[in-house]
Protein backbone atom coordinates (compact mmCIF):
# COMPACT_ATOMS: atom_id res chain seq x y z
CA MET A 1 82.52 -9.97 41.17
CA LYS A 2 81.13 -9.34 44.51
CA ARG A 3 81.90 -5.80 44.22
CA PHE A 4 79.61 -5.64 40.98
CA SER A 5 76.65 -6.92 42.78
CA ILE A 6 75.35 -3.40 42.99
CA ILE A 7 75.40 -3.36 39.15
CA LEU A 8 73.72 -6.73 38.73
CA ARG A 9 70.91 -5.52 41.02
CA TYR A 10 69.89 -3.15 38.46
CA LEU A 11 70.03 -5.65 35.84
CA ARG A 12 67.46 -7.94 37.44
CA ASP A 13 64.52 -6.72 35.55
CA GLN A 14 66.45 -6.81 32.20
CA LYS A 15 66.39 -10.59 32.00
CA GLN A 16 64.75 -10.49 28.66
CA ASN A 17 67.20 -8.26 27.08
CA ILE A 18 70.17 -10.12 28.56
CA VAL A 19 68.82 -13.39 26.76
CA PHE A 20 68.48 -11.40 23.48
CA TYR A 21 72.00 -10.07 23.91
CA PHE A 22 73.26 -13.51 24.61
CA ILE A 23 71.45 -15.01 21.40
CA PHE A 24 72.41 -12.40 18.97
CA ASN A 25 76.21 -12.62 20.11
CA LEU A 26 76.00 -16.40 19.77
CA LEU A 27 74.57 -16.00 16.31
CA SER A 28 77.10 -13.40 15.36
CA ILE A 29 79.96 -15.72 16.37
CA LEU A 30 78.56 -18.86 14.59
CA PHE A 31 78.16 -17.04 11.36
CA SER A 32 81.89 -15.60 11.82
CA LEU A 33 82.99 -19.17 12.09
CA VAL A 34 80.97 -20.33 9.03
CA SER A 35 82.99 -17.94 6.72
CA LEU A 36 86.43 -18.97 8.11
CA ALA A 37 85.56 -22.64 7.83
CA MET A 38 84.72 -22.30 4.08
CA LEU A 39 88.13 -20.96 2.97
CA ALA A 40 91.17 -23.19 3.51
CA PRO A 41 89.92 -26.82 2.62
CA PHE A 42 87.72 -25.92 -0.28
CA LEU A 43 90.21 -23.49 -1.90
CA GLN A 44 92.68 -26.27 -1.92
CA LEU A 45 89.93 -28.34 -3.67
CA LEU A 46 88.94 -25.65 -6.15
CA PHE A 47 92.58 -25.00 -7.35
CA GLY A 48 93.28 -28.56 -8.02
CA LYS A 49 95.38 -29.70 -4.87
CA GLU A 50 92.93 -32.49 -4.01
CA LYS A 51 90.93 -34.74 -6.20
CA LEU A 52 87.08 -34.34 -6.59
CA LYS A 53 84.96 -36.49 -4.44
CA ASP A 54 82.90 -38.94 -6.54
CA VAL A 55 81.34 -41.04 -3.86
CA GLU A 56 78.97 -39.63 -1.33
CA PRO A 57 80.63 -40.06 2.06
CA SER A 58 78.61 -41.24 5.02
CA PHE A 59 77.86 -38.31 7.35
CA SER A 60 79.61 -38.47 10.76
CA PHE A 61 79.68 -35.77 13.47
CA SER A 62 83.40 -35.19 13.55
CA ALA A 63 85.84 -32.74 11.94
CA ASN A 64 86.96 -34.85 9.00
CA GLY A 65 83.41 -36.39 8.41
CA VAL A 66 81.87 -32.76 8.23
CA LEU A 67 84.51 -31.47 5.92
CA ASP A 68 84.48 -34.51 3.66
CA TYR A 69 80.71 -34.17 3.17
CA ILE A 70 80.85 -30.64 2.34
CA LYS A 71 83.81 -31.39 -0.08
CA TYR A 72 81.36 -33.85 -1.63
CA ILE A 73 78.80 -31.03 -2.33
CA LEU A 74 81.39 -28.49 -3.94
CA SER A 75 82.78 -31.46 -5.94
CA SER A 76 79.16 -31.98 -7.29
CA LEU A 77 78.99 -28.21 -8.19
CA ILE A 78 82.24 -28.19 -10.15
CA LYS A 79 81.17 -31.41 -12.13
CA GLU A 80 77.77 -30.07 -12.84
CA HIS A 81 78.76 -26.44 -13.63
CA SER A 82 82.31 -25.27 -13.38
CA GLN A 83 85.17 -24.34 -11.12
CA VAL A 84 84.13 -20.71 -11.36
CA TYR A 85 80.65 -21.45 -10.49
CA ALA A 86 81.60 -23.24 -7.32
CA LEU A 87 83.94 -20.42 -6.39
CA GLY A 88 81.04 -18.01 -6.87
CA ALA A 89 78.95 -20.11 -4.57
CA ILE A 90 81.64 -19.87 -1.81
CA CYS A 91 81.98 -16.13 -2.27
CA VAL A 92 78.17 -15.78 -1.80
CA ILE A 93 78.04 -18.11 1.28
CA ILE A 94 80.88 -16.17 2.86
CA ILE A 95 79.33 -12.80 1.95
CA PHE A 96 75.83 -13.99 3.38
CA SER A 97 77.50 -15.29 6.58
CA VAL A 98 79.55 -12.23 7.23
CA PHE A 99 76.23 -10.04 6.51
CA LEU A 100 74.32 -12.05 9.06
CA LYS A 101 77.27 -11.95 11.34
CA ASN A 102 77.12 -8.08 11.31
CA ILE A 103 73.39 -7.90 11.53
CA PHE A 104 73.28 -10.01 14.73
CA LEU A 105 76.21 -7.93 16.00
CA TYR A 106 74.29 -4.59 15.22
CA LEU A 107 71.28 -6.26 17.11
CA SER A 108 73.32 -7.10 20.12
CA TYR A 109 74.34 -3.32 20.35
CA ARG A 110 70.77 -2.24 19.90
CA VAL A 111 69.65 -4.39 22.84
CA LEU A 112 72.71 -3.33 25.02
CA ALA A 113 72.73 0.29 24.59
CA PRO A 114 69.28 0.81 26.33
CA MET A 115 69.97 -1.51 29.04
CA ARG A 116 73.28 0.18 29.90
CA ASN A 117 71.90 3.65 29.80
CA LYS A 118 68.87 2.46 32.04
CA VAL A 119 71.18 1.05 34.58
CA MET A 120 73.19 4.30 34.77
CA THR A 121 70.09 6.45 35.01
CA ARG A 122 68.72 4.27 37.74
CA LEU A 123 72.23 4.27 39.51
CA ARG A 124 72.33 8.31 39.46
CA ALA A 125 68.63 8.66 40.55
CA ASP A 126 69.16 6.07 43.49
CA LEU A 127 72.30 8.04 44.65
CA TYR A 128 70.50 11.34 44.52
CA SER A 129 67.57 9.98 46.36
CA LYS A 130 69.85 8.48 49.06
CA ILE A 131 71.60 11.95 49.44
CA LEU A 132 68.29 13.43 50.00
CA GLU A 133 67.42 10.72 52.53
CA LEU A 134 70.45 10.70 54.61
CA PRO A 135 70.63 12.58 57.87
CA ILE A 136 72.42 15.80 58.15
CA GLY A 137 75.02 14.43 60.48
CA PHE A 138 76.26 12.51 57.59
CA PHE A 139 77.40 15.47 55.65
CA THR A 140 79.20 16.94 58.53
CA GLU A 141 81.98 14.31 57.86
CA GLN A 142 81.83 14.51 54.23
CA ARG A 143 83.48 17.14 51.92
CA LYS A 144 80.92 18.65 49.54
CA GLY A 145 83.30 18.38 46.61
CA ASP A 146 83.91 14.63 47.23
CA ILE A 147 80.19 14.10 47.29
CA ILE A 148 79.93 15.83 43.81
CA SER A 149 82.75 13.92 42.59
CA ARG A 150 81.14 10.65 43.42
CA MET A 151 77.99 11.56 41.77
CA SER A 152 79.79 12.85 38.56
CA ASN A 153 83.24 11.38 38.12
CA ASP A 154 82.49 8.02 39.76
CA SER A 155 79.36 7.57 37.94
CA ASN A 156 81.12 8.10 34.65
CA GLU A 157 83.81 5.75 35.82
CA ILE A 158 81.35 3.19 36.18
CA GLU A 159 79.49 3.85 32.95
CA TRP A 160 82.79 3.65 30.92
CA SER A 161 84.63 1.05 32.69
CA VAL A 162 82.39 -1.24 34.71
CA MET A 163 79.49 -1.35 32.12
CA SER A 164 81.75 -1.90 29.22
CA THR A 165 83.48 -4.67 31.55
CA LEU A 166 79.76 -6.28 31.64
CA GLU A 167 79.65 -6.13 27.79
CA GLY A 168 83.01 -7.67 27.61
CA LEU A 169 82.00 -10.45 30.20
CA ILE A 170 79.17 -11.59 28.17
CA LYS A 171 80.42 -11.34 24.62
CA ASP A 172 84.09 -12.19 24.81
CA PRO A 173 83.97 -15.20 27.07
CA LEU A 174 81.02 -16.52 24.69
CA ASN A 175 83.21 -15.97 21.79
CA ILE A 176 86.10 -17.62 23.33
CA ILE A 177 84.10 -20.69 24.55
CA ILE A 178 82.61 -21.30 21.22
CA ILE A 179 86.06 -20.93 19.46
CA LEU A 180 87.46 -23.33 21.91
CA ALA A 181 84.77 -25.94 21.51
CA THR A 182 85.29 -25.62 17.67
CA LEU A 183 88.96 -26.13 18.09
CA VAL A 184 88.30 -29.22 20.49
CA PHE A 185 85.99 -30.67 17.77
CA LEU A 186 88.64 -30.27 15.09
CA SER A 187 91.37 -31.68 17.03
CA PRO A 188 91.10 -32.66 20.78
CA SER A 189 94.93 -33.54 21.03
CA LEU A 190 95.97 -30.32 19.57
CA SER A 191 93.49 -28.34 21.83
CA LEU A 192 95.13 -29.88 24.89
CA PHE A 193 97.97 -27.33 24.54
CA LEU A 194 95.39 -24.48 24.74
CA PHE A 195 94.06 -25.59 28.04
CA ILE A 196 97.40 -25.43 29.57
CA LEU A 197 98.73 -22.25 27.82
CA LEU A 198 95.82 -20.25 28.01
CA PRO A 199 95.36 -20.20 31.98
CA LEU A 200 98.94 -19.33 32.16
CA THR A 201 98.49 -16.17 30.23
CA GLY A 202 95.38 -15.28 32.19
CA PHE A 203 97.55 -15.60 35.49
CA ILE A 204 100.34 -13.21 34.04
CA ILE A 205 97.60 -10.57 32.96
CA GLY A 206 95.90 -10.90 36.54
CA ARG A 207 99.39 -10.36 38.10
CA VAL A 208 100.09 -7.31 36.07
CA SER A 209 96.74 -5.59 36.92
CA ARG A 210 96.58 -6.24 40.67
CA SER A 211 97.77 -2.79 41.65
CA LEU A 212 95.39 -0.97 39.28
CA LYS A 213 92.49 -1.05 41.72
CA LYS A 214 94.49 0.39 44.53
CA GLN A 215 95.66 3.14 42.13
CA SER A 216 92.18 3.83 41.05
CA VAL A 217 90.96 4.21 44.66
CA ILE A 218 93.66 6.97 45.27
CA ALA A 219 92.83 8.53 41.89
CA GLN A 220 89.19 8.88 42.63
CA GLU A 221 89.87 10.40 46.20
CA GLN A 222 92.43 12.90 44.83
CA LEU A 223 89.75 13.89 42.22
CA GLY A 224 87.36 14.37 45.05
CA THR A 225 89.88 16.52 46.85
CA LEU A 226 90.43 18.69 43.73
CA MET A 227 86.45 19.26 43.58
CA SER A 228 86.56 20.38 47.14
CA ILE A 229 89.34 22.73 46.62
CA LEU A 230 87.46 24.31 43.68
CA ASP A 231 84.16 24.47 45.50
CA GLU A 232 86.02 26.23 48.53
CA THR A 233 87.75 28.51 46.08
CA LEU A 234 84.33 29.52 44.30
CA SER A 235 82.59 30.10 47.65
CA GLY A 236 85.43 32.17 49.31
CA LEU A 237 86.86 33.86 46.45
CA ARG A 238 86.29 37.36 48.20
CA VAL A 239 88.22 36.29 51.28
CA ILE A 240 90.84 34.50 49.27
CA LYS A 241 91.69 37.73 47.44
CA ALA A 242 91.36 39.90 50.63
CA PHE A 243 93.93 37.78 52.35
CA ASN A 244 96.11 37.36 49.46
CA ALA A 245 95.84 33.79 49.59
CA GLU A 246 95.87 33.13 45.97
CA LYS A 247 99.45 31.52 45.93
CA PHE A 248 98.47 29.35 48.81
CA LEU A 249 95.34 27.94 47.04
CA HIS A 250 97.08 27.80 43.60
CA ASN A 251 99.91 25.59 45.12
CA LYS A 252 97.52 23.38 46.98
CA PHE A 253 95.24 22.87 43.72
CA PHE A 254 98.32 22.15 41.54
CA THR A 255 99.89 19.81 44.11
CA THR A 256 96.85 17.77 44.05
CA ASN A 257 96.38 18.06 40.29
CA ASN A 258 99.86 17.00 39.68
CA TYR A 259 99.62 14.04 42.08
CA LEU A 260 96.54 13.02 40.26
CA ASN A 261 98.04 13.40 36.83
CA THR A 262 100.86 10.95 38.01
CA ILE A 263 98.61 8.42 39.53
CA ARG A 264 96.58 8.50 36.16
CA ASN A 265 99.61 8.11 34.04
CA LYS A 266 100.65 4.85 36.09
CA MET A 267 96.90 3.60 35.58
CA MET A 268 97.00 4.30 31.77
CA PHE A 269 100.42 2.60 31.47
CA ARG A 270 99.11 -0.58 33.23
CA ARG A 271 95.76 -0.65 31.41
CA ASP A 272 97.18 0.11 28.10
CA MET A 273 99.56 -2.76 28.61
CA ALA A 274 96.61 -5.16 28.54
CA SER A 275 95.93 -5.24 24.94
CA PRO A 276 99.45 -5.60 23.46
CA MET A 277 100.42 -8.01 26.27
CA SER A 278 97.58 -10.38 25.55
CA GLU A 279 98.26 -10.19 21.86
CA PHE A 280 101.99 -10.98 22.35
CA LEU A 281 100.95 -13.97 24.60
CA GLY A 282 98.35 -15.02 22.07
CA VAL A 283 100.98 -15.05 19.39
CA MET A 284 103.13 -17.27 21.67
CA VAL A 285 100.51 -19.67 21.91
CA LEU A 286 99.73 -19.66 18.26
CA SER A 287 103.44 -20.41 17.73
CA CYS A 288 103.45 -23.27 20.15
CA ILE A 289 100.33 -24.61 18.20
CA LEU A 290 102.08 -24.24 14.93
CA TRP A 291 105.20 -25.84 15.90
CA PHE A 292 103.47 -28.96 17.79
CA GLY A 293 100.53 -29.42 15.14
CA GLY A 294 103.04 -28.79 12.34
CA ARG A 295 105.23 -31.57 13.46
CA LEU A 296 102.11 -33.83 13.91
CA VAL A 297 100.98 -33.24 10.42
CA LEU A 298 104.51 -33.51 8.73
CA GLY A 299 105.03 -36.63 10.67
CA ASN A 300 101.54 -38.04 9.53
CA ASN A 301 100.61 -38.46 13.16
CA ALA A 302 98.18 -35.65 13.63
CA GLY A 303 95.57 -37.81 15.31
CA GLY A 304 93.40 -37.90 12.16
CA LEU A 305 93.66 -34.14 11.47
CA GLN A 306 94.32 -33.59 7.74
CA PRO A 307 96.66 -30.75 6.49
CA GLU A 308 93.69 -28.54 5.37
CA GLY A 309 92.04 -29.19 8.57
CA PHE A 310 95.24 -28.01 10.47
CA ILE A 311 95.04 -24.81 8.38
CA THR A 312 91.34 -24.34 9.21
CA TYR A 313 92.31 -24.92 12.90
CA ILE A 314 95.08 -22.18 12.91
CA ALA A 315 92.67 -19.78 10.95
CA ILE A 316 90.03 -20.33 13.60
CA PHE A 317 92.52 -19.87 16.41
CA THR A 318 93.66 -16.64 15.38
CA GLN A 319 90.10 -15.43 15.99
CA ILE A 320 90.45 -16.10 19.38
CA ILE A 321 93.35 -13.31 19.98
CA ASN A 322 91.03 -10.42 19.67
CA PRO A 323 88.32 -11.52 22.29
CA ALA A 324 91.33 -12.42 24.48
CA LYS A 325 92.65 -8.98 24.04
CA SER A 326 89.25 -7.39 24.82
CA LEU A 327 88.58 -9.70 27.88
CA SER A 328 91.95 -8.61 29.31
CA THR A 329 91.14 -4.96 28.71
CA ALA A 330 87.75 -5.47 30.29
CA PHE A 331 89.56 -7.18 33.32
CA TYR A 332 91.71 -4.02 33.72
CA ASN A 333 88.90 -1.88 33.45
CA ALA A 334 86.96 -3.77 36.09
CA GLN A 335 89.91 -3.27 38.41
CA ARG A 336 89.86 0.29 37.83
CA GLY A 337 86.09 0.55 38.09
CA SER A 338 85.64 -1.30 41.13
CA ALA A 339 87.19 1.68 42.98
CA ALA A 340 84.32 3.77 41.69
CA VAL A 341 81.78 1.40 42.62
CA LYS A 342 83.14 1.15 46.11
CA ARG A 343 82.87 4.94 46.63
CA ILE A 344 79.30 5.08 45.32
CA GLU A 345 78.39 1.98 47.34
CA GLU A 346 79.62 3.71 50.57
CA ILE A 347 76.74 6.29 50.16
CA LEU A 348 74.08 3.74 48.90
CA SER A 349 74.83 1.63 51.77
CA ALA A 350 75.19 4.38 54.33
CA PRO A 351 72.80 3.84 57.38
CA ILE A 352 69.77 6.10 57.69
CA THR A 353 69.94 6.94 61.23
CA VAL A 354 66.64 8.89 61.19
CA GLN A 355 64.11 5.97 60.32
CA GLU A 356 60.52 6.49 59.55
CA SER A 357 58.03 4.54 61.68
CA ALA A 358 56.66 1.41 60.16
CA HIS A 359 53.10 2.64 60.65
CA PRO A 360 53.56 6.51 61.29
CA LYS A 361 50.79 8.77 62.68
CA MET A 362 50.00 11.82 60.79
CA LEU A 363 50.46 15.14 62.75
CA GLN A 364 47.59 16.99 61.13
CA SER A 365 47.96 20.13 63.39
CA PHE A 366 49.86 21.37 66.31
CA THR A 367 47.48 22.01 69.31
CA ASP A 368 49.27 21.97 72.74
CA SER A 369 53.20 21.85 73.28
CA ILE A 370 56.69 20.59 72.49
CA GLU A 371 58.26 18.80 75.42
CA PHE A 372 61.85 17.68 75.88
CA LYS A 373 61.89 14.88 78.67
CA ASN A 374 65.24 14.02 79.91
CA VAL A 375 66.74 14.37 76.41
CA SER A 376 70.45 13.85 75.63
CA PHE A 377 72.19 13.74 72.42
CA ALA A 378 75.73 12.32 71.70
CA TYR A 379 77.52 12.19 68.41
CA GLU A 380 80.51 9.73 68.15
CA ASP A 381 80.94 9.72 71.93
CA ALA A 382 80.99 13.38 72.22
CA VAL A 383 78.12 14.54 74.39
CA ILE A 384 76.27 17.49 72.77
CA LEU A 385 73.27 17.69 75.18
CA ASP A 386 72.95 16.44 78.51
CA ASP A 387 69.56 15.70 80.26
CA ILE A 388 67.41 18.51 78.91
CA ASN A 389 63.89 19.12 80.30
CA LEU A 390 61.94 21.80 78.56
CA THR A 391 58.35 22.53 77.60
CA ILE A 392 57.25 24.83 74.86
CA LYS A 393 53.69 25.77 74.92
CA LYS A 394 51.81 26.56 71.78
CA GLY A 395 51.90 30.22 70.95
CA LYS A 396 55.01 30.93 73.22
CA THR A 397 58.47 32.17 72.12
CA ILE A 398 61.60 30.43 73.59
CA ALA A 399 64.97 31.85 73.11
CA LEU A 400 68.08 29.70 73.20
CA VAL A 401 71.26 31.60 74.12
CA GLY A 402 74.80 30.39 75.24
CA SER A 403 78.45 30.53 74.05
CA SER A 404 79.48 28.63 70.76
CA GLY A 405 79.27 25.05 70.90
CA ALA A 406 76.73 25.00 73.95
CA GLY A 407 74.29 22.85 71.91
CA LYS A 408 71.70 25.56 70.83
CA SER A 409 71.44 24.55 67.15
CA THR A 410 71.62 20.86 67.91
CA LEU A 411 68.64 21.21 70.39
CA ALA A 412 66.64 23.07 67.56
CA ASP A 413 67.57 20.58 65.09
CA LEU A 414 66.01 17.72 67.15
CA ILE A 415 62.40 19.39 66.71
CA PRO A 416 62.40 18.65 62.92
CA ARG A 417 64.02 15.30 63.44
CA PHE A 418 67.34 16.20 61.77
CA HIS A 419 68.73 13.94 64.38
CA ASP A 420 67.08 11.47 66.76
CA VAL A 421 67.69 11.84 70.51
CA THR A 422 70.16 9.57 72.11
CA LYS A 423 68.40 9.30 75.27
CA GLY A 424 64.98 10.47 76.60
CA GLU A 425 61.81 11.47 74.67
CA LEU A 426 60.77 14.55 72.54
CA LEU A 427 57.01 14.85 72.47
CA ILE A 428 54.77 16.82 70.55
CA ASP A 429 51.25 17.00 71.72
CA GLY A 430 52.07 14.38 73.99
CA VAL A 431 53.16 11.94 71.15
CA ASN A 432 56.91 10.78 70.67
CA ILE A 433 57.90 12.40 67.41
CA ARG A 434 59.33 9.16 66.11
CA GLU A 435 55.91 7.98 65.93
CA TYR A 436 55.04 10.84 63.35
CA SER A 437 55.71 10.61 59.60
CA LEU A 438 58.73 12.77 58.70
CA HIS A 439 56.64 14.76 56.08
CA SER A 440 53.66 15.61 58.37
CA LEU A 441 56.00 16.61 61.29
CA ARG A 442 58.11 18.84 59.08
CA SER A 443 54.90 20.32 57.38
CA GLN A 444 54.10 21.83 60.64
CA MET A 445 57.27 23.96 60.88
CA SER A 446 59.46 26.43 59.04
CA ILE A 447 63.16 27.17 59.50
CA VAL A 448 64.95 30.51 58.91
CA THR A 449 68.76 30.09 59.12
CA GLN A 450 71.39 32.54 59.88
CA GLU A 451 72.87 32.03 56.27
CA PRO A 452 70.03 32.38 53.75
CA ILE A 453 69.81 29.23 51.73
CA LEU A 454 68.61 30.07 48.21
CA PHE A 455 68.68 28.33 44.96
CA ASN A 456 69.75 29.32 41.24
CA ASP A 457 66.05 29.73 40.23
CA SER A 458 63.57 32.59 40.13
CA ILE A 459 62.35 34.69 42.96
CA ALA A 460 58.93 33.09 42.87
CA ASP A 461 60.20 29.51 42.67
CA ASN A 462 62.50 30.14 45.63
CA ILE A 463 59.69 31.50 47.84
CA ALA A 464 57.18 28.73 46.62
CA LEU A 465 59.95 26.09 47.60
CA GLY A 466 57.97 22.91 48.70
CA ASN A 467 54.81 24.36 47.31
CA PRO A 468 55.29 24.54 43.58
CA GLU A 469 51.56 24.91 42.77
CA GLU A 470 51.07 27.89 45.01
CA ASN A 471 49.52 30.83 43.11
CA ILE A 472 51.48 34.07 42.40
CA ALA A 473 48.78 36.07 44.70
CA ALA A 474 49.86 34.02 47.76
CA ILE A 475 53.61 34.49 46.94
CA GLU A 476 53.13 38.25 46.66
CA ASN A 477 51.26 38.30 49.87
CA ALA A 478 54.10 36.46 51.56
CA ALA A 479 56.81 38.74 50.24
CA LYS A 480 54.74 41.72 51.62
CA VAL A 481 54.72 40.29 54.94
CA ALA A 482 58.54 39.72 54.74
CA ASN A 483 59.09 43.43 53.47
CA ALA A 484 60.37 41.96 50.16
CA HIS A 485 57.68 42.91 47.73
CA GLU A 486 59.08 46.41 47.26
CA PHE A 487 62.72 45.52 45.97
CA ILE A 488 61.17 42.54 43.97
CA MET A 489 59.24 45.00 42.10
CA GLN A 490 62.19 46.89 41.23
CA LYS A 491 63.80 43.85 39.45
CA GLU A 492 63.63 43.53 35.70
CA GLU A 493 61.46 40.40 35.52
CA PHE A 494 59.88 41.08 38.88
CA TYR A 495 59.18 37.73 40.63
CA GLN A 496 60.43 35.82 37.64
CA THR A 497 63.94 37.20 38.25
CA ASN A 498 66.53 34.59 38.40
CA ILE A 499 68.55 35.33 41.68
CA GLY A 500 71.81 33.48 40.59
CA ASP A 501 73.84 30.77 42.49
CA ARG A 502 72.98 30.94 46.16
CA GLY A 503 71.10 34.18 45.61
CA SER A 504 74.56 35.91 44.41
CA LYS A 505 72.60 38.62 42.59
CA LEU A 506 70.89 39.80 45.69
CA SER A 507 72.18 41.76 48.86
CA GLY A 508 72.37 39.95 52.20
CA GLY A 509 69.21 41.71 53.52
CA GLU A 510 67.27 40.87 50.34
CA ARG A 511 68.27 37.13 50.56
CA GLN A 512 67.08 36.92 54.07
CA ARG A 513 63.74 38.48 53.37
CA LEU A 514 63.16 35.95 50.67
CA THR A 515 63.75 33.01 53.16
CA ILE A 516 61.27 34.72 55.53
CA ALA A 517 58.85 35.09 52.69
CA ARG A 518 59.30 31.31 52.14
CA ALA A 519 58.54 30.58 55.66
CA VAL A 520 55.55 32.80 55.80
CA LEU A 521 54.07 31.28 52.66
CA LYS A 522 54.24 27.76 54.21
CA ASN A 523 52.25 29.35 57.17
CA PRO A 524 53.46 26.79 59.79
CA PRO A 525 52.41 26.77 63.59
CA ILE A 526 56.12 26.35 64.66
CA LEU A 527 58.92 28.61 63.64
CA ILE A 528 62.56 27.87 64.21
CA LEU A 529 64.79 30.91 63.84
CA ASP A 530 68.51 30.91 63.81
CA GLU A 531 69.15 34.55 64.49
CA ALA A 532 68.37 35.89 60.94
CA THR A 533 69.80 39.37 61.52
CA SER A 534 73.21 38.93 62.95
CA SER A 535 75.25 39.47 59.96
CA LEU A 536 73.06 42.36 58.41
CA ASP A 537 73.72 46.00 58.29
CA THR A 538 71.55 48.30 60.46
CA GLU A 539 68.95 49.29 57.70
CA SER A 540 68.75 45.75 56.40
CA GLU A 541 68.44 44.31 60.18
CA ARG A 542 65.57 46.71 60.81
CA LEU A 543 63.62 45.41 57.76
CA VAL A 544 64.29 41.64 58.28
CA GLN A 545 63.52 42.20 62.19
CA ASP A 546 60.19 43.68 61.29
CA ALA A 547 59.50 40.94 58.98
CA ILE A 548 60.37 38.35 61.64
CA ASP A 549 58.20 40.14 64.15
CA ASN A 550 55.28 40.06 61.67
CA MET A 551 55.88 36.33 60.91
CA MET A 552 56.17 35.28 64.66
CA GLN A 553 52.59 36.56 65.59
CA ASN A 554 50.48 34.00 66.84
CA ARG A 555 53.13 31.09 66.21
CA THR A 556 55.18 28.94 68.55
CA CYS A 557 58.70 30.17 68.11
CA VAL A 558 62.06 28.66 68.93
CA VAL A 559 64.75 31.41 68.49
CA ILE A 560 68.45 30.81 68.52
CA ALA A 561 69.73 34.04 69.73
CA HIS A 562 73.11 35.77 69.04
CA ARG A 563 72.19 39.29 69.57
CA LEU A 564 70.48 39.31 72.95
CA SER A 565 68.68 42.53 72.31
CA THR A 566 66.30 40.79 70.01
CA ILE A 567 65.08 38.42 72.50
CA ARG A 568 64.20 40.81 75.36
CA HIS A 569 60.33 39.92 74.82
CA ALA A 570 60.62 36.03 74.66
CA ASP A 571 58.41 34.18 77.04
CA GLU A 572 61.26 32.29 78.36
CA ILE A 573 65.09 32.50 77.88
CA ILE A 574 66.95 29.18 77.95
CA VAL A 575 70.67 29.62 78.72
CA LEU A 576 72.75 26.48 77.66
CA GLN A 577 76.41 25.86 78.70
CA LYS A 578 78.27 22.68 77.66
CA GLY A 579 75.05 20.85 76.64
CA LYS A 580 73.26 21.68 79.86
CA ILE A 581 70.55 24.18 80.88
CA VAL A 582 72.27 26.51 83.38
CA GLU A 583 69.57 29.20 83.65
CA ARG A 584 66.13 29.86 82.52
CA GLY A 585 63.63 32.61 82.93
CA THR A 586 62.57 35.97 81.36
CA HIS A 587 65.05 38.66 80.34
CA GLU A 588 64.32 40.56 83.60
CA GLN A 589 64.50 37.60 85.84
CA LEU A 590 67.89 36.48 84.42
CA ILE A 591 69.33 40.04 84.72
CA GLU A 592 68.28 40.04 88.44
CA HIS A 593 69.84 36.62 89.05
CA LYS A 594 73.18 38.05 87.81
CA GLY A 595 74.35 34.86 86.52
CA PHE A 596 75.85 33.67 83.12
CA TYR A 597 73.04 35.45 80.98
CA LYS A 598 73.82 38.71 82.86
CA LYS A 599 77.65 38.31 81.90
CA LEU A 600 76.59 37.57 78.25
CA VAL A 601 74.40 40.99 78.22
CA ASP A 602 77.18 42.93 79.91
CA MET A 603 79.77 41.59 77.21
CA GLN A 604 77.58 42.82 74.31
CA GLU A 605 76.97 46.19 75.89
CA ILE A 606 80.65 46.63 76.45
CA LYS A 607 81.06 45.96 72.48
């Protein structure tokens, strides 16, 4: 039950609906028992198996006392009218009680459905919000397909397994408790058998279902792996075909898929065993009650229980079998669904390492400098940056160069607080960036990445990302600065043209110019550029480079450089190697120094 605390948390504001659901189920069960209690003893009276009651008995709150009093009322109806009239009265009472039973059953469903849907809606919303809040470092350890699987398949598993279980955990136990109370009321001595046999059957069902949770965890993980393979296939289809890797991916997918099929079959076999097993065990208990109770009645030693009362007892006991079946199925589903709850809880409870300050300052404008003071950054014992000291004055362009893994991207990612420094301080205008609100900090900067990040939406909406209320004139002006307006106007729907998944309907150069237009529209004082031209053809590179040059005017720029020819005019070039600054200076100074930077330049010239 501890695992389901996450679900119960969403039910806290649904107390009124839970009370209504409880009451409606209670009334439904009580009216169901009324229809059963009317049958056996009174049919015996109607068809002459028992003499009519002439004297009104004194009412006592016991099984025989209640039955005798109702028999007296029925005897009066037969005397005053006829047996057919009395039979009709019983039929009307049964019909009315069954009608009320189903009315209250329907009302319980009407209360439950919105409550159930609201829980799932809030769970998905919280899960998506947490994904947006989590730091970028969290996702480097996670497969995208597995995250999608948790959001979709695990959420569905909770909806159909856990929420159905919660329904069963209120309705079915209530049903069983009321029936047991009625049986104890009818015959305490006979009911003693139930309190011995029913826990025994529950223990057997629990033993069988124990491995279901473990199998469900494996199944959900394999489904996440399957989604990851599919995502990688769709993203890398061109490479897969070029390297004739279809068979390899096909085998990888089908191996995982077949293993998932095997695990799910085992899960279904165990889950489907719950209902027939509980019914069989219920019939075994019923047979024991029949044998023991029948002996007492036949031997006139039934503890005051009359034959017709024993028939009523058996009739009511049969009603416990279906709730017991449902409860055992719900228990199996709970074991299966708890795996999905665990996987979603891992995301919801994941620590947010980049925390907002309790009383954050607002960075209204960037006026002076960005300063790294003895900054180090480590990730899981791996030191990425070590003792970085660097000052970037407003309006200056700083280039970061170095071999792969030197820490260039990590250093740039510290400025918008995608990560927090492990040691030292990162200051903007003399204030530690931890003291600024994340929103105001990031509003002062734009990022253009090496790989264009676009969304399956219109050109206008992609440029206006984060500024949805921006007018079309401003969007067009940003596109002109980014050398994108001309190709946009050649599209069928101009700025309202949908660009497809990740901008798949555009060329590489067109995609990159849209990301530059997005940065221009934001009009920030700080730009972080991860070399945006390194993967483009010569013509596209020229257009994009011109757009970047236009955008960089009068702004503070941090450029991650791969092509060293693009940073010749940087105010300062920072050379990183294994997380340390090994050289710094202008292009000419570093060439004269004949160090690591000169070696990098020579290598590119040779190529």
